[in-house]
PDB file of N, CA and C in Angstrom:
ATOM      1  N   MET A   1       0.896  -1.236   0.071  1.00  0.00           N
ATOM      2  CA  MET A   1      -0.179  -0.580   0.340  1.00  0.00           C
ATOM      3  C   MET A   1       0.321   1.184  -0.164  1.00  0.00           C
ATOM      4  N   THR A   2       0.549   1.720  -1.287  1.00  0.00           N
ATOM      5  CA  THR A   2       1.207   3.926  -0.815  1.00  0.00           C
ATOM      6  C   THR A   2       0.484   4.023   0.044  1.00  0.00           C
ATOM      7  N   ASN A   3       2.212   5.312  -0.108  1.00  0.00           N
ATOM      8  CA  ASN A   3       1.599   6.093   0.803  1.00  0.00           C
ATOM      9  C   ASN A   3       0.593   7.172   0.736  1.00  0.00           C
ATOM     10  N   LYS A   4       0.064   7.674  -0.038  1.00  0.00           N
ATOM     11  CA  LYS A   4      -1.590   8.747  -0.500  1.00  0.00           C
ATOM     12  C   LYS A   4      -2.372   7.565  -0.219  1.00  0.00           C
ATOM     13  N   SER A   5      -2.370   5.635  -1.081  1.00  0.00           N
ATOM     14  CA  SER A   5      -3.999   4.830   0.130  1.00  0.00           C
ATOM     15  C   SER A   5      -3.518   4.866   0.954  1.00  0.00           C
ATOM     16  N   LYS A   6      -3.152   4.898   2.033  1.00  0.00           N
ATOM     17  CA  LYS A   6      -3.186   4.776   3.115  1.00  0.00           C
ATOM     18  C   LYS A   6      -3.180   5.879   3.766  1.00  0.00           C
ATOM     19  N   ALA A   7      -2.511   7.357   3.089  1.00  0.00           N
ATOM     20  CA  ALA A   7      -3.622   8.230   4.097  1.00  0.00           C
ATOM     21  C   ALA A   7      -4.638   8.212   3.483  1.00  0.00           C
ATOM     22  N   SER A   8      -4.858   7.929   2.782  1.00  0.00           N
ATOM     23  CA  SER A   8      -6.927   8.042   1.977  1.00  0.00           C
ATOM     24  C   SER A   8      -7.419   6.790   2.366  1.00  0.00           C
ATOM     25  N   GLN A   9      -6.878   5.864   2.659  1.00  0.00           N
ATOM     26  CA  GLN A   9      -8.023   5.499   3.960  1.00  0.00           C
ATOM     27  C   GLN A   9      -7.781   5.477   5.125  1.00  0.00           C
ATOM     28  N   GLU A  10      -7.031   6.203   5.651  1.00  0.00           N
ATOM     29  CA  GLU A  10      -7.251   6.671   7.219  1.00  0.00           C
ATOM     30  C   GLU A  10      -7.950   7.722   7.035  1.00  0.00           C
ATOM     31  N   LEU A  11      -8.746   8.262   6.122  1.00  0.00           N
ATOM     32  CA  LEU A  11      -9.229   9.862   6.357  1.00  0.00           C
ATOM     33  C   LEU A  11     -10.487   9.068   5.941  1.00  0.00           C
ATOM     34  N   LYS A  12     -10.542   7.744   5.052  1.00  0.00           N
ATOM     35  CA  LYS A  12     -11.753   7.158   5.167  1.00  0.00           C
ATOM     36  C   LYS A  12     -12.690   6.651   6.447  1.00  0.00           C
ATOM     37  N   ASP A  13     -11.286   6.229   6.742  1.00  0.00           N
ATOM     38  CA  ASP A  13     -11.814   5.388   8.660  1.00  0.00           C
ATOM     39  C   ASP A  13     -12.155   6.366   9.808  1.00  0.00           C
ATOM     40  N   PHE A  14     -11.988   7.571   9.527  1.00  0.00           N
ATOM     41  CA  PHE A  14     -11.625   9.234  10.271  1.00  0.00           C
ATOM     42  C   PHE A  14     -12.865   9.466   9.421  1.00  0.00           C
ATOM     43  N   ASP A  15     -13.764   9.277   8.381  1.00  0.00           N
ATOM     44  CA  ASP A  15     -14.854  10.066   8.019  1.00  0.00           C
ATOM     45  C   ASP A  15     -15.733   9.086   8.992  1.00  0.00           C
ATOM     46  N   LYS A  16     -15.503   8.037   9.393  1.00  0.00           N
ATOM     47  CA  LYS A  16     -16.558   7.069   9.769  1.00  0.00           C
ATOM     48  C   LYS A  16     -16.824   6.983  11.757  1.00  0.00           C
ATOM     49  N   VAL A  17     -15.641   7.640  11.483  1.00  0.00           N
ATOM     50  CA  VAL A  17     -15.978   7.514  13.286  1.00  0.00           C
ATOM     51  C   VAL A  17     -16.732   9.054  13.872  1.00  0.00           C
ATOM     52  N   PHE A  18     -16.173   9.934  12.747  1.00  0.00           N
ATOM     53  CA  PHE A  18     -16.594  11.601  12.645  1.00  0.00           C
ATOM     54  C   PHE A  18     -18.252  11.037  12.804  1.00  0.00           C
ATOM     55  N   LYS A  19     -18.551  10.333  12.160  1.00  0.00           N
ATOM     56  CA  LYS A  19     -19.796  10.319  12.056  1.00  0.00           C
ATOM     57  C   LYS A  19     -20.598   9.493  12.809  1.00  0.00           C
ATOM     58  N   ALA A  20     -20.408   8.566  13.513  1.00  0.00           N
ATOM     59  CA  ALA A  20     -20.239   8.305  14.346  1.00  0.00           C
ATOM     60  C   ALA A  20     -20.616   8.651  15.074  1.00  0.00           C
ATOM     61  N   LEU A  21     -20.025   9.841  15.801  1.00  0.00           N
ATOM     62  CA  LEU A  21     -19.861   9.993  16.703  1.00  0.00           C
ATOM     63  C   LEU A  21     -20.664  11.942  17.016  1.00  0.00           C
ATOM     64  N   ALA A  22     -21.332  11.353  15.929  1.00  0.00           N
ATOM     65  CA  ALA A  22     -21.866  13.441  15.020  1.00  0.00           C
ATOM     66  C   ALA A  22     -23.097  13.160  15.684  1.00  0.00           C
ATOM     67  N   HIS A  23     -23.796  11.741  16.392  1.00  0.00           N
ATOM     68  CA  HIS A  23     -25.224  11.773  16.728  1.00  0.00           C
ATOM     69  C   HIS A  23     -24.556  11.963  18.154  1.00  0.00           C
ATOM     70  N   PRO A  24     -25.797  12.275  18.604  1.00  0.00           N
ATOM     71  CA  PRO A  24     -25.646  12.892  20.325  1.00  0.00           C
ATOM     72  C   PRO A  24     -26.089  10.949  20.801  1.00  0.00           C
ATOM     73  N   THR A  25     -26.880  10.777  20.749  1.00  0.00           N
ATOM     74  CA  THR A  25     -27.195   8.897  20.957  1.00  0.00           C
ATOM     75  C   THR A  25     -26.224   8.489  21.449  1.00  0.00           C
ATOM     76  N   ARG A  26     -25.760   8.112  20.180  1.00  0.00           N
ATOM     77  CA  ARG A  26     -24.392   7.409  20.223  1.00  0.00           C
ATOM     78  C   ARG A  26     -23.100   7.726  21.147  1.00  0.00           C
ATOM     79  N   ARG A  27     -22.911   9.099  21.008  1.00  0.00           N
ATOM     80  CA  ARG A  27     -22.181   9.582  22.403  1.00  0.00           C
ATOM     81  C   ARG A  27     -22.477   9.804  23.693  1.00  0.00           C
ATOM     82  N   ASN A  28     -23.490   9.722  23.882  1.00  0.00           N
ATOM     83  CA  ASN A  28     -24.062   8.640  25.149  1.00  0.00           C
ATOM     84  C   ASN A  28     -23.984   7.439  25.140  1.00  0.00           C
ATOM     85  N   ILE A  29     -23.746   6.395  24.906  1.00  0.00           N
ATOM     86  CA  ILE A  29     -24.394   5.453  24.339  1.00  0.00           C
ATOM     87  C   ILE A  29     -21.866   5.334  24.399  1.00  0.00           C
ATOM     88  N   LEU A  30     -21.139   5.921  24.157  1.00  0.00           N
ATOM     89  CA  LEU A  30     -20.197   5.679  24.572  1.00  0.00           C
ATOM     90  C   LEU A  30     -19.352   5.761  25.657  1.00  0.00           C
ATOM     91  N   THR A  31     -20.877   6.940  26.578  1.00  0.00           N
ATOM     92  CA  THR A  31     -20.572   7.492  27.849  1.00  0.00           C
ATOM     93  C   THR A  31     -20.515   6.642  28.640  1.00  0.00           C
ATOM     94  N   ILE A  32     -22.146   5.789  28.236  1.00  0.00           N
ATOM     95  CA  ILE A  32     -22.444   4.698  28.920  1.00  0.00           C
ATOM     96  C   ILE A  32     -21.494   3.534  29.308  1.00  0.00           C
ATOM     97  N   LEU A  33     -20.888   2.611  28.292  1.00  0.00           N
ATOM     98  CA  LEU A  33     -20.004   2.026  28.355  1.00  0.00           C
ATOM     99  C   LEU A  33     -18.387   2.386  28.505  1.00  0.00           C
ATOM    100  N   ILE A  34     -17.980   3.756  28.877  1.00  0.00           N
ATOM    101  CA  ILE A  34     -16.741   4.442  29.814  1.00  0.00           C
ATOM    102  C   ILE A  34     -17.281   3.983  30.891  1.00  0.00           C
ATOM    103  N   ALA A  35     -18.486   4.116  31.146  1.00  0.00           N
ATOM    104  CA  ALA A  35     -18.787   3.818  33.033  1.00  0.00           C
ATOM    105  C   ALA A  35     -18.643   2.626  33.301  1.00  0.00           C
ATOM    106  N   GLN A  36     -19.654   1.974  32.813  1.00  0.00           N
ATOM    107  CA  GLN A  36     -20.733  -0.070  32.499  1.00  0.00           C
ATOM    108  C   GLN A  36     -18.855  -0.344  32.417  1.00  0.00           C
ATOM    109  N   GLU A  37     -18.225  -0.656  31.253  1.00  0.00           N
ATOM    110  CA  GLU A  37     -17.349  -0.844  30.794  1.00  0.00           C
ATOM    111  C   GLU A  37     -17.926  -1.850  29.689  1.00  0.00           C
ATOM    112  N   LYS A  38     -18.772  -2.624  30.423  1.00  0.00           N
ATOM    113  CA  LYS A  38     -19.386  -4.141  29.398  1.00  0.00           C
ATOM    114  C   LYS A  38     -20.343  -4.109  29.585  1.00  0.00           C
ATOM    115  N   LEU A  39     -21.616  -3.580  28.407  1.00  0.00           N
ATOM    116  CA  LEU A  39     -22.839  -3.931  28.070  1.00  0.00           C
ATOM    117  C   LEU A  39     -23.102  -4.502  27.671  1.00  0.00           C
ATOM    118  N   ASN A  40     -24.522  -5.639  27.974  1.00  0.00           N
ATOM    119  CA  ASN A  40     -25.270  -6.175  26.612  1.00  0.00           C
ATOM    120  C   ASN A  40     -26.163  -5.452  26.494  1.00  0.00           C
ATOM    121  N   ALA A  41     -26.870  -5.450  25.110  1.00  0.00           N
ATOM    122  CA  ALA A  41     -27.923  -4.484  24.089  1.00  0.00           C
ATOM    123  C   ALA A  41     -28.965  -3.806  25.280  1.00  0.00           C
ATOM    124  N   GLY A  42     -29.245  -5.417  26.009  1.00  0.00           N
ATOM    125  CA  GLY A  42     -30.729  -4.865  26.442  1.00  0.00           C
ATOM    126  C   GLY A  42     -30.530  -3.815  27.518  1.00  0.00           C
ATOM    127  N   ASP A  43     -29.438  -3.679  28.695  1.00  0.00           N
ATOM    128  CA  ASP A  43     -29.413  -2.869  28.880  1.00  0.00           C
ATOM    129  C   ASP A  43     -28.468  -1.260  28.517  1.00  0.00           C
ATOM    130  N   ILE A  44     -28.228  -1.704  27.296  1.00  0.00           N
ATOM    131  CA  ILE A  44     -28.229  -0.330  26.822  1.00  0.00           C
ATOM    132  C   ILE A  44     -29.264   0.122  26.538  1.00  0.00           C
ATOM    133  N   VAL A  45     -30.231  -0.190  26.093  1.00  0.00           N
ATOM    134  CA  VAL A  45     -31.791  -0.067  25.552  1.00  0.00           C
ATOM    135  C   VAL A  45     -31.940   0.923  26.457  1.00  0.00           C
ATOM    136  N   LYS A  46     -31.750   0.594  27.850  1.00  0.00           N
ATOM    137  CA  LYS A  46     -32.596   0.882  29.634  1.00  0.00           C
ATOM    138  C   LYS A  46     -32.167   2.457  29.181  1.00  0.00           C
ATOM    139  N   TYR A  47     -31.424   2.969  29.014  1.00  0.00           N
ATOM    140  CA  TYR A  47     -30.473   4.116  29.519  1.00  0.00           C
ATOM    141  C   TYR A  47     -31.673   5.267  28.396  1.00  0.00           C
ATOM    142  N   PHE A  48     -32.251   4.704  27.175  1.00  0.00           N
ATOM    143  CA  PHE A  48     -32.955   5.360  26.497  1.00  0.00           C
ATOM    144  C   PHE A  48     -34.487   5.318  26.177  1.00  0.00           C
ATOM    145  N   ASP A  49     -35.173   6.376  25.786  1.00  0.00           N
ATOM    146  CA  ASP A  49     -36.381   6.392  25.473  1.00  0.00           C
ATOM    147  C   ASP A  49     -36.634   6.181  24.054  1.00  0.00           C
ATOM    148  N   HIS A  50     -35.911   5.679  23.326  1.00  0.00           N
ATOM    149  CA  HIS A  50     -35.882   5.158  22.252  1.00  0.00           C
ATOM    150  C   HIS A  50     -35.961   4.006  22.265  1.00  0.00           C
ATOM    151  N   LYS A  51     -36.785   3.118  20.786  1.00  0.00           N
ATOM    152  CA  LYS A  51     -37.048   1.530  20.647  1.00  0.00           C
ATOM    153  C   LYS A  51     -36.273   1.121  20.152  1.00  0.00           C
ATOM    154  N   TRP A  52     -35.474  -0.308  20.473  1.00  0.00           N
ATOM    155  CA  TRP A  52     -34.358  -0.881  20.584  1.00  0.00           C
ATOM    156  C   TRP A  52     -34.191  -1.223  18.860  1.00  0.00           C
ATOM    157  N   PRO A  53     -35.088  -1.158  17.694  1.00  0.00           N
ATOM    158  CA  PRO A  53     -34.256  -0.963  16.532  1.00  0.00           C
ATOM    159  C   PRO A  53     -32.717   0.617  16.483  1.00  0.00           C
ATOM    160  N   THR A  54     -33.148   1.624  16.862  1.00  0.00           N
ATOM    161  CA  THR A  54     -33.034   2.486  16.462  1.00  0.00           C
ATOM    162  C   THR A  54     -31.867   2.843  17.521  1.00  0.00           C
ATOM    163  N   ILE A  55     -31.837   2.122  19.200  1.00  0.00           N
ATOM    164  CA  ILE A  55     -30.373   1.555  19.087  1.00  0.00           C
ATOM    165  C   ILE A  55     -29.815   0.605  18.891  1.00  0.00           C
ATOM    166  N   THR A  56     -30.521  -0.351  18.249  1.00  0.00           N
ATOM    167  CA  THR A  56     -29.483  -1.285  17.606  1.00  0.00           C
ATOM    168  C   THR A  56     -28.395  -0.614  16.464  1.00  0.00           C
ATOM    169  N   ARG A  57     -29.786   0.389  15.667  1.00  0.00           N
ATOM    170  CA  ARG A  57     -28.388   0.861  14.159  1.00  0.00           C
ATOM    171  C   ARG A  57     -27.239   1.685  15.113  1.00  0.00           C
ATOM    172  N   HIS A  58     -28.019   2.596  15.793  1.00  0.00           N
ATOM    173  CA  HIS A  58     -26.626   3.380  16.317  1.00  0.00           C
ATOM    174  C   HIS A  58     -25.747   2.772  16.686  1.00  0.00           C
ATOM    175  N   LEU A  59     -25.713   1.082  17.721  1.00  0.00           N
ATOM    176  CA  LEU A  59     -24.759   0.488  17.915  1.00  0.00           C
ATOM    177  C   LEU A  59     -24.142  -0.221  16.559  1.00  0.00           C
ATOM    178  N   LYS A  60     -24.516  -0.466  15.927  1.00  0.00           N
ATOM    179  CA  LYS A  60     -23.727  -1.116  14.391  1.00  0.00           C
ATOM    180  C   LYS A  60     -23.248  -0.226  13.965  1.00  0.00           C
ATOM    181  N   GLN A  61     -23.450   0.977  13.627  1.00  0.00           N
ATOM    182  CA  GLN A  61     -22.654   2.221  13.439  1.00  0.00           C
ATOM    183  C   GLN A  61     -21.153   2.231  14.192  1.00  0.00           C
ATOM    184  N   LEU A  62     -21.892   2.334  15.624  1.00  0.00           N
ATOM    185  CA  LEU A  62     -20.455   2.747  16.371  1.00  0.00           C
ATOM    186  C   LEU A  62     -19.627   1.552  15.895  1.00  0.00           C
ATOM    187  N   GLU A  63     -19.271   0.372  15.829  1.00  0.00           N
ATOM    188  CA  GLU A  63     -19.198  -0.937  15.845  1.00  0.00           C
ATOM    189  C   GLU A  63     -18.794  -0.995  14.458  1.00  0.00           C
ATOM    190  N   ALA A  64     -19.325  -0.834  13.338  1.00  0.00           N
ATOM    191  CA  ALA A  64     -18.550   0.024  11.753  1.00  0.00           C
ATOM    192  C   ALA A  64     -17.363   0.706  12.042  1.00  0.00           C
ATOM    193  N   ALA A  65     -17.435   1.957  12.759  1.00  0.00           N
ATOM    194  CA  ALA A  65     -16.627   3.059  13.439  1.00  0.00           C
ATOM    195  C   ALA A  65     -15.462   2.225  14.316  1.00  0.00           C
ATOM    196  N   GLY A  66     -15.676   1.283  14.718  1.00  0.00           N
ATOM    197  CA  GLY A  66     -14.078   0.511  15.797  1.00  0.00           C
ATOM    198  C   GLY A  66     -14.230   1.100  16.587  1.00  0.00           C
ATOM    199  N   LEU A  67     -15.787   1.983  17.095  1.00  0.00           N
ATOM    200  CA  LEU A  67     -15.778   2.509  18.076  1.00  0.00           C
ATOM    201  C   LEU A  67     -15.999   1.889  19.579  1.00  0.00           C
ATOM    202  N   ILE A  68     -16.243   0.477  19.334  1.00  0.00           N
ATOM    203  CA  ILE A  68     -17.268  -0.609  19.549  1.00  0.00           C
ATOM    204  C   ILE A  68     -16.805  -1.837  19.702  1.00  0.00           C
ATOM    205  N   VAL A  69     -16.951  -2.614  20.392  1.00  0.00           N
ATOM    206  CA  VAL A  69     -16.638  -4.360  20.450  1.00  0.00           C
ATOM    207  C   VAL A  69     -17.541  -4.919  20.618  1.00  0.00           C
ATOM    208  N   LEU A  70     -18.245  -5.771  19.841  1.00  0.00           N
ATOM    209  CA  LEU A  70     -19.133  -6.920  20.202  1.00  0.00           C
ATOM    210  C   LEU A  70     -18.719  -7.860  20.426  1.00  0.00           C
ATOM    211  N   THR A  71     -19.530  -9.153  21.517  1.00  0.00           N
ATOM    212  CA  THR A  71     -18.003 -10.033  21.619  1.00  0.00           C
ATOM    213  C   THR A  71     -20.068 -10.403  22.249  1.00  0.00           C
ATOM    214  N   LYS A  72     -20.059 -12.153  21.791  1.00  0.00           N
ATOM    215  CA  LYS A  72     -21.099 -12.431  21.668  1.00  0.00           C
ATOM    216  C   LYS A  72     -20.530 -13.905  22.856  1.00  0.00           C
ATOM    217  N   ASP A  73     -21.802 -14.360  23.794  1.00  0.00           N
ATOM    218  CA  ASP A  73     -22.003 -14.826  24.450  1.00  0.00           C
ATOM    219  C   ASP A  73     -23.219 -15.246  24.562  1.00  0.00           C
ATOM    220  N   GLY A  74     -23.795 -16.878  23.650  1.00  0.00           N
ATOM    221  CA  GLY A  74     -24.819 -17.378  23.953  1.00  0.00           C
ATOM    222  C   GLY A  74     -25.755 -16.616  22.900  1.00  0.00           C
ATOM    223  N   THR A  75     -26.814 -16.450  23.378  1.00  0.00           N
ATOM    224  CA  THR A  75     -27.656 -15.100  22.691  1.00  0.00           C
ATOM    225  C   THR A  75     -27.744 -13.664  23.481  1.00  0.00           C
ATOM    226  N   GLN A  76     -26.501 -13.014  24.338  1.00  0.00           N
ATOM    227  CA  GLN A  76     -25.999 -12.506  24.485  1.00  0.00           C
ATOM    228  C   GLN A  76     -25.452 -12.352  23.915  1.00  0.00           C
ATOM    229  N   HIS A  77     -25.239 -10.700  23.920  1.00  0.00           N
ATOM    230  CA  HIS A  77     -24.708  -9.419  22.845  1.00  0.00           C
ATOM    231  C   HIS A  77     -24.022  -8.641  23.642  1.00  0.00           C
ATOM    232  N   PHE A  78     -23.336  -8.770  23.727  1.00  0.00           N
ATOM    233  CA  PHE A  78     -21.998  -8.018  25.032  1.00  0.00           C
ATOM    234  C   PHE A  78     -21.513  -6.294  24.028  1.00  0.00           C
ATOM    235  N   TYR A  79     -21.456  -5.477  24.704  1.00  0.00           N
ATOM    236  CA  TYR A  79     -20.458  -4.102  23.772  1.00  0.00           C
ATOM    237  C   TYR A  79     -19.312  -3.716  24.834  1.00  0.00           C
ATOM    238  N   THR A  80     -18.726  -3.567  23.611  1.00  0.00           N
ATOM    239  CA  THR A  80     -17.208  -2.672  25.011  1.00  0.00           C
ATOM    240  C   THR A  80     -16.697  -1.552  24.087  1.00  0.00           C
ATOM    241  N   LEU A  81     -16.326  -0.968  25.087  1.00  0.00           N
ATOM    242  CA  LEU A  81     -15.793   0.391  24.338  1.00  0.00           C
ATOM    243  C   LEU A  81     -14.270  -0.149  23.910  1.00  0.00           C
ATOM    244  N   ASP A  82     -14.396   0.552  22.748  1.00  0.00           N
ATOM    245  CA  ASP A  82     -12.575  -0.059  22.572  1.00  0.00           C
ATOM    246  C   ASP A  82     -11.315   0.768  22.483  1.00  0.00           C
ATOM    247  N   THR A  83     -11.246   1.348  23.446  1.00  0.00           N
ATOM    248  CA  THR A  83     -10.006   2.676  24.072  1.00  0.00           C
ATOM    249  C   THR A  83      -8.458   3.043  23.078  1.00  0.00           C
ATOM    250  N   GLU A  84      -8.520   1.635  22.698  1.00  0.00           N
ATOM    251  CA  GLU A  84      -7.368   1.436  21.977  1.00  0.00           C
ATOM    252  C   GLU A  84      -8.103   2.583  20.876  1.00  0.00           C
ATOM    253  N   ARG A  85      -8.414   2.177  19.861  1.00  0.00           N
ATOM    254  CA  ARG A  85      -9.267   2.446  18.593  1.00  0.00           C
ATOM    255  C   ARG A  85      -9.704   4.285  19.194  1.00  0.00           C
ATOM    256  N   MET A  86     -10.312   4.688  20.198  1.00  0.00           N
ATOM    257  CA  MET A  86     -10.294   5.672  20.526  1.00  0.00           C
ATOM    258  C   MET A  86      -9.007   6.638  20.622  1.00  0.00           C
ATOM    259  N   ARG A  87      -8.014   6.172  21.529  1.00  0.00           N
ATOM    260  CA  ARG A  87      -7.227   6.829  21.254  1.00  0.00           C
ATOM    261  C   ARG A  87      -5.961   6.419  19.646  1.00  0.00           C
ATOM    262  N   MET A  88      -6.641   5.596  19.144  1.00  0.00           N
ATOM    263  CA  MET A  88      -5.328   5.781  17.699  1.00  0.00           C
ATOM    264  C   MET A  88      -5.774   6.953  16.921  1.00  0.00           C
ATOM    265  N   VAL A  89      -7.268   6.797  16.933  1.00  0.00           N
ATOM    266  CA  VAL A  89      -8.283   7.985  16.120  1.00  0.00           C
ATOM    267  C   VAL A  89      -7.424   9.460  17.573  1.00  0.00           C
ATOM    268  N   LEU A  90      -7.987   9.821  18.055  1.00  0.00           N
ATOM    269  CA  LEU A  90      -7.722  10.691  17.983  1.00  0.00           C
ATOM    270  C   LEU A  90      -6.560  11.351  18.215  1.00  0.00           C
ATOM    271  N   THR A  91      -5.433  10.576  18.463  1.00  0.00           N
ATOM    272  CA  THR A  91      -3.400  10.944  18.201  1.00  0.00           C
ATOM    273  C   THR A  91      -3.351  10.620  17.295  1.00  0.00           C
ATOM    274  N   ASN A  92      -3.426   9.815  15.757  1.00  0.00           N
ATOM    275  CA  ASN A  92      -3.674   9.808  14.196  1.00  0.00           C
ATOM    276  C   ASN A  92      -4.457  11.340  13.554  1.00  0.00           C
ATOM    277  N   TRP A  93      -5.548  11.606  14.017  1.00  0.00           N
ATOM    278  CA  TRP A  93      -6.504  12.668  13.348  1.00  0.00           C
ATOM    279  C   TRP A  93      -6.016  14.304  13.596  1.00  0.00           C
ATOM    280  N   LEU A  94      -5.090  14.148  14.732  1.00  0.00           N
ATOM    281  CA  LEU A  94      -4.097  15.281  14.937  1.00  0.00           C
ATOM    282  C   LEU A  94      -3.172  15.611  14.731  1.00  0.00           C
ATOM    283  N   LYS A  95      -2.497  14.096  13.855  1.00  0.00           N
ATOM    284  CA  LYS A  95      -1.629  14.392  13.320  1.00  0.00           C
ATOM    285  C   LYS A  95      -1.247  15.422  12.032  1.00  0.00           C
ATOM    286  N   TRP A  96      -2.963  15.146  11.383  1.00  0.00           N
ATOM    287  CA  TRP A  96      -3.071  16.068  10.189  1.00  0.00           C
ATOM    288  C   TRP A  96      -2.280  17.456  10.222  1.00  0.00           C
ATOM    289  N   PHE A  97      -3.116  18.006  11.128  1.00  0.00           N
ATOM    290  CA  PHE A  97      -2.749  19.180  11.892  1.00  0.00           C
ATOM    291  C   PHE A  97      -1.620  19.742  11.694  1.00  0.00           C
TER     292      PHE A  97
END
């Protein structure tokens, strides 16, 4: 991969992250995961007035951006914050400036 294509891919990855962070509900989900470390989807839904499908879509977008990690234990889906990814995004994004 050339430097130019690597930089282009990094920018695309940052776009996913910042689009995910643009919505207040998704930011709130991240804040909840900072405090609780690991929650199943049902427990996350309890924090909001939104319906289950809405929160599920937000969780999928956060996962696609690499900000949270999904682990499955039987029928339970657990989410955790990917702190390393958050740190990498902040550190690497700032290098562009």
